[in-house]
Amino acid sequence: MKKYLSTLTMFFLVINSFGQSFTETKKAAEQGDADAQYNLGTMYSKGKGTLTDIKQAFYWWKKAAEQGDAEAQCYIGAMYYNGDGT
């Protein structure tokens, strides 16, 4: 499961983070943008533009999941299942 999550995370990181810096993404996430919250969680999970921080990844994916982002909901479910960052 962890290998699958890692591969899936990497795929969505490439798809969702083109053209956005960490700083821009964080600003949008803090303003409540669910897509930015999802992307910020992904950036934290992979250390793209910042240090890897699985607890921050969980925090931002949870914010996005609470707004109905299905991909973030999937990650949160997998994190609970694996006990990562929860």
Protein backbone atom coordinates (compact mmCIF):
# COMPACT_ATOMS: atom_id res chain seq x y z
CA MET A 1 0.00 0.00 0.00
CA LYS A 2 2.79 2.44 0.85
CA LYS A 3 4.47 1.88 -2.51
CA TYR A 4 1.13 2.50 -4.25
CA LEU A 5 0.56 5.71 -2.27
CA SER A 6 4.06 6.92 -3.10
CA THR A 7 3.60 6.24 -6.82
CA LEU A 8 0.16 7.84 -6.79
CA THR A 9 1.46 10.88 -4.89
CA MET A 10 4.28 11.33 -7.38
CA PHE A 11 1.86 11.13 -10.31
CA PHE A 12 -0.43 13.82 -8.90
CA LEU A 13 2.52 15.98 -7.88
CA VAL A 14 3.58 16.14 -11.52
CA ILE A 15 0.02 16.77 -12.73
CA ASN A 16 -0.98 19.40 -10.15
CA SER A 17 2.13 21.40 -9.33
CA PHE A 18 3.32 22.71 -12.69
CA GLY A 19 3.90 26.44 -12.64
CA GLN A 20 3.22 26.99 -8.97
CA SER A 21 5.92 27.81 -6.47
CA PHE A 22 5.67 26.62 -2.89
CA THR A 23 5.11 30.20 -1.71
CA GLU A 24 2.29 30.86 -4.20
CA THR A 25 0.65 27.55 -3.39
CA LYS A 26 0.86 28.14 0.36
CA LYS A 27 -0.68 31.59 0.04
CA ALA A 28 -3.61 30.24 -1.97
CA ALA A 29 -4.02 27.30 0.44
CA GLU A 30 -4.15 29.64 3.43
CA GLN A 31 -6.90 31.59 1.65
CA GLY A 32 -9.01 28.43 1.45
CA ASP A 33 -8.35 27.23 -2.12
CA ALA A 34 -8.96 23.45 -2.00
CA ASP A 35 -6.80 22.74 -5.06
CA ALA A 36 -3.92 24.68 -3.51
CA GLN A 37 -4.43 22.86 -0.20
CA TYR A 38 -4.21 19.54 -2.01
CA ASN A 39 -1.11 20.68 -3.93
CA LEU A 40 0.53 22.01 -0.77
CA GLY A 41 -0.03 18.67 0.95
CA THR A 42 1.61 16.98 -2.00
CA MET A 43 4.55 19.39 -1.91
CA TYR A 44 5.06 18.67 1.79
CA SER A 45 4.81 14.92 1.22
CA LYS A 46 7.56 15.00 -1.41
CA GLY A 47 9.67 17.91 -0.18
CA LYS A 48 9.04 19.96 -3.31
CA GLY A 49 9.98 23.55 -2.48
CA THR A 50 10.15 22.73 1.22
CA LEU A 51 11.33 20.08 3.64
CA THR A 52 9.40 16.83 3.67
CA ASP A 53 6.84 17.00 6.47
CA ILE A 54 4.21 14.26 6.53
CA LYS A 55 2.26 15.94 9.34
CA GLN A 56 1.93 19.12 7.27
CA ALA A 57 0.97 17.00 4.26
CA PHE A 58 -1.76 15.40 6.36
CA TYR A 59 -2.94 18.80 7.64
CA TRP A 60 -3.29 20.31 4.16
CA TRP A 61 -4.78 17.21 2.55
CA LYS A 62 -7.33 17.10 5.39
CA LYS A 63 -8.27 20.73 4.70
CA ALA A 64 -8.79 19.91 1.02
CA ALA A 65 -10.65 16.68 1.85
CA GLU A 66 -13.06 18.59 4.08
CA GLN A 67 -13.93 20.72 1.04
CA GLY A 68 -14.73 17.62 -1.01
CA ASP A 69 -11.45 17.04 -2.86
CA ALA A 70 -11.65 13.32 -3.73
CA GLU A 71 -7.89 12.86 -4.21
CA ALA A 72 -7.17 14.41 -0.82
CA GLN A 73 -9.84 12.18 0.72
CA CYS A 74 -8.07 9.17 -0.76
CA TYR A 75 -4.72 10.24 0.69
CA ILE A 76 -6.22 10.92 4.11
CA GLY A 77 -7.83 7.48 4.09
CA ALA A 78 -4.54 5.86 3.14
CA MET A 79 -2.70 7.83 5.83
CA TYR A 80 -5.18 6.70 8.48
CA TYR A 81 -4.88 3.14 7.20
CA ASN A 82 -1.06 3.25 7.36
CA GLY A 83 -0.85 5.40 10.49
CA ASP A 84 1.22 8.03 8.67
CA GLY A 85 1.11 11.59 9.99
CA THR A 86 -2.07 11.03 11.97
